[in-house]
């Protein structure tokens, strides 16, 4: 959806590929610093994280013209 591969996300955030794979699989929770790095890069690519009233988080994708991510 964001046009960002796992490899690119790892490279940009400085987070290891195994950590990202384990996090996506639900077998590992990254330390807060690594979560911050991932979130920051996802937000630069166009993701917006929204805290809901029930304590969960939703993610919306900003339209391409609002994205801060530059591929060059």
C-alpha atoms as a PDB file:
ATOM      1  CA  UNK A   1       0.000   0.000   0.000  1.00  0.00           C
ATOM      2  CA  UNK A   2       2.816   2.394   0.769  1.00  0.00           C
ATOM      3  CA  UNK A   3       5.143   1.262  -2.014  1.00  0.00           C
ATOM      4  CA  UNK A   4       7.761   0.362   0.581  1.00  0.00           C
ATOM      5  CA  UNK A   5       9.230  -3.140   0.756  1.00  0.00           C
ATOM      6  CA  UNK A   6      10.278  -4.855   3.975  1.00  0.00           C
ATOM      7  CA  UNK A   7      13.907  -4.480   2.918  1.00  0.00           C
ATOM      8  CA  UNK A   8      13.490  -0.762   2.305  1.00  0.00           C
ATOM      9  CA  UNK A   9      11.707  -0.285   5.619  1.00  0.00           C
ATOM     10  CA  UNK A  10      14.497  -2.118   7.439  1.00  0.00           C
ATOM     11  CA  UNK A  11      17.219  -0.137   5.662  1.00  0.00           C
ATOM     12  CA  UNK A  12      15.551   3.227   6.282  1.00  0.00           C
ATOM     13  CA  UNK A  13      14.694   2.520   9.909  1.00  0.00           C
ATOM     14  CA  UNK A  14      17.868   0.649  10.825  1.00  0.00           C
ATOM     15  CA  UNK A  15      15.820  -2.284  12.136  1.00  0.00           C
ATOM     16  CA  UNK A  16      16.842  -5.859  11.332  1.00  0.00           C
ATOM     17  CA  UNK A  17      14.852  -7.946   8.875  1.00  0.00           C
ATOM     18  CA  UNK A  18      14.450 -10.835  11.345  1.00  0.00           C
ATOM     19  CA  UNK A  19      12.957  -8.466  13.907  1.00  0.00           C
ATOM     20  CA  UNK A  20      10.472  -7.109  11.376  1.00  0.00           C
ATOM     21  CA  UNK A  21       9.493 -10.604  10.214  1.00  0.00           C
ATOM     22  CA  UNK A  22       9.030 -11.805  13.799  1.00  0.00           C
ATOM     23  CA  UNK A  23       7.000  -8.706  14.681  1.00  0.00           C
ATOM     24  CA  UNK A  24       4.701  -9.220  11.697  1.00  0.00           C
ATOM     25  CA  UNK A  25       4.271 -12.877  12.663  1.00  0.00           C
ATOM     26  CA  UNK A  26       3.387 -11.901  16.227  1.00  0.00           C
ATOM     27  CA  UNK A  27       6.274 -13.872  17.748  1.00  0.00           C
ATOM     28  CA  UNK A  28       8.304 -10.899  18.967  1.00  0.00           C
ATOM     29  CA  UNK A  29       7.666  -7.368  20.182  1.00  0.00           C
ATOM     30  CA  UNK A  30      10.394  -4.825  19.354  1.00  0.00           C
ATOM     31  CA  UNK A  31      11.818  -2.538  21.996  1.00  0.00           C
ATOM     32  CA  UNK A  32      10.224   0.893  22.094  1.00  0.00           C
ATOM     33  CA  UNK A  33      13.174   2.500  20.277  1.00  0.00           C
ATOM     34  CA  UNK A  34      12.819   0.111  17.352  1.00  0.00           C
ATOM     35  CA  UNK A  35       9.049   0.586  17.291  1.00  0.00           C
ATOM     36  CA  UNK A  36       9.624   4.340  17.137  1.00  0.00           C
ATOM     37  CA  UNK A  37      12.013   3.909  14.192  1.00  0.00           C
ATOM     38  CA  UNK A  38       9.545   1.719  12.295  1.00  0.00           C
ATOM     39  CA  UNK A  39       6.646   4.045  13.007  1.00  0.00           C
ATOM     40  CA  UNK A  40       8.634   7.079  11.917  1.00  0.00           C
ATOM     41  CA  UNK A  41       9.521   5.551   8.549  1.00  0.00           C
ATOM     42  CA  UNK A  42       5.982   4.271   7.987  1.00  0.00           C
ATOM     43  CA  UNK A  43       4.648   7.753   8.728  1.00  0.00           C
ATOM     44  CA  UNK A  44       7.145   9.274   6.281  1.00  0.00           C
ATOM     45  CA  UNK A  45       5.839   6.827   3.672  1.00  0.00           C
ATOM     46  CA  UNK A  46       2.225   7.880   4.228  1.00  0.00           C
ATOM     47  CA  UNK A  47       0.832   5.881   7.154  1.00  0.00           C
ATOM     48  CA  UNK A  48      -1.074   7.702   9.857  1.00  0.00           C
ATOM     49  CA  UNK A  49      -1.606   5.977  13.216  1.00  0.00           C
ATOM     50  CA  UNK A  50      -4.845   6.883  15.004  1.00  0.00           C
ATOM     51  CA  UNK A  51      -5.536   6.141  18.671  1.00  0.00           C
ATOM     52  CA  UNK A  52      -9.131   4.978  19.065  1.00  0.00           C
ATOM     53  CA  UNK A  53     -11.307   5.468  22.118  1.00  0.00           C
ATOM     54  CA  UNK A  54     -11.290   1.726  22.897  1.00  0.00           C
ATOM     55  CA  UNK A  55      -7.497   1.759  23.328  1.00  0.00           C
ATOM     56  CA  UNK A  56      -6.671   0.210  19.962  1.00  0.00           C
ATOM     57  CA  UNK A  57      -4.816   1.818  17.076  1.00  0.00           C
ATOM     58  CA  UNK A  58      -6.026   2.186  13.508  1.00  0.00           C
ATOM     59  CA  UNK A  59      -3.857   2.968  10.509  1.00  0.00           C
ATOM     60  CA  UNK A  60      -4.916   5.064   7.566  1.00  0.00           C
ATOM     61  CA  UNK A  61      -2.932   5.761   4.431  1.00  0.00           C
ATOM     62  CA  UNK A  62      -2.588   9.405   3.427  1.00  0.00           C
ATOM     63  CA  UNK A  63      -3.204  10.172  -0.230  1.00  0.00           C
ATOM     64  CA  UNK A  64       0.033  10.132  -2.269  1.00  0.00           C
ATOM     65  CA  UNK A  65       0.192  13.910  -2.545  1.00  0.00           C
ATOM     66  CA  UNK A  66       0.376  14.164   1.254  1.00  0.00           C
ATOM     67  CA  UNK A  67       3.112  11.531   1.654  1.00  0.00           C
ATOM     68  CA  UNK A  68       6.455  12.770   2.965  1.00  0.00           C
ATOM     69  CA  UNK A  69       8.359   9.757   1.615  1.00  0.00           C
ATOM     70  CA  UNK A  70      10.789  10.416  -1.199  1.00  0.00           C
ATOM     71  CA  UNK A  71      12.207   7.479  -3.154  1.00  0.00           C
ATOM     72  CA  UNK A  72      15.133   9.441  -4.565  1.00  0.00           C
END
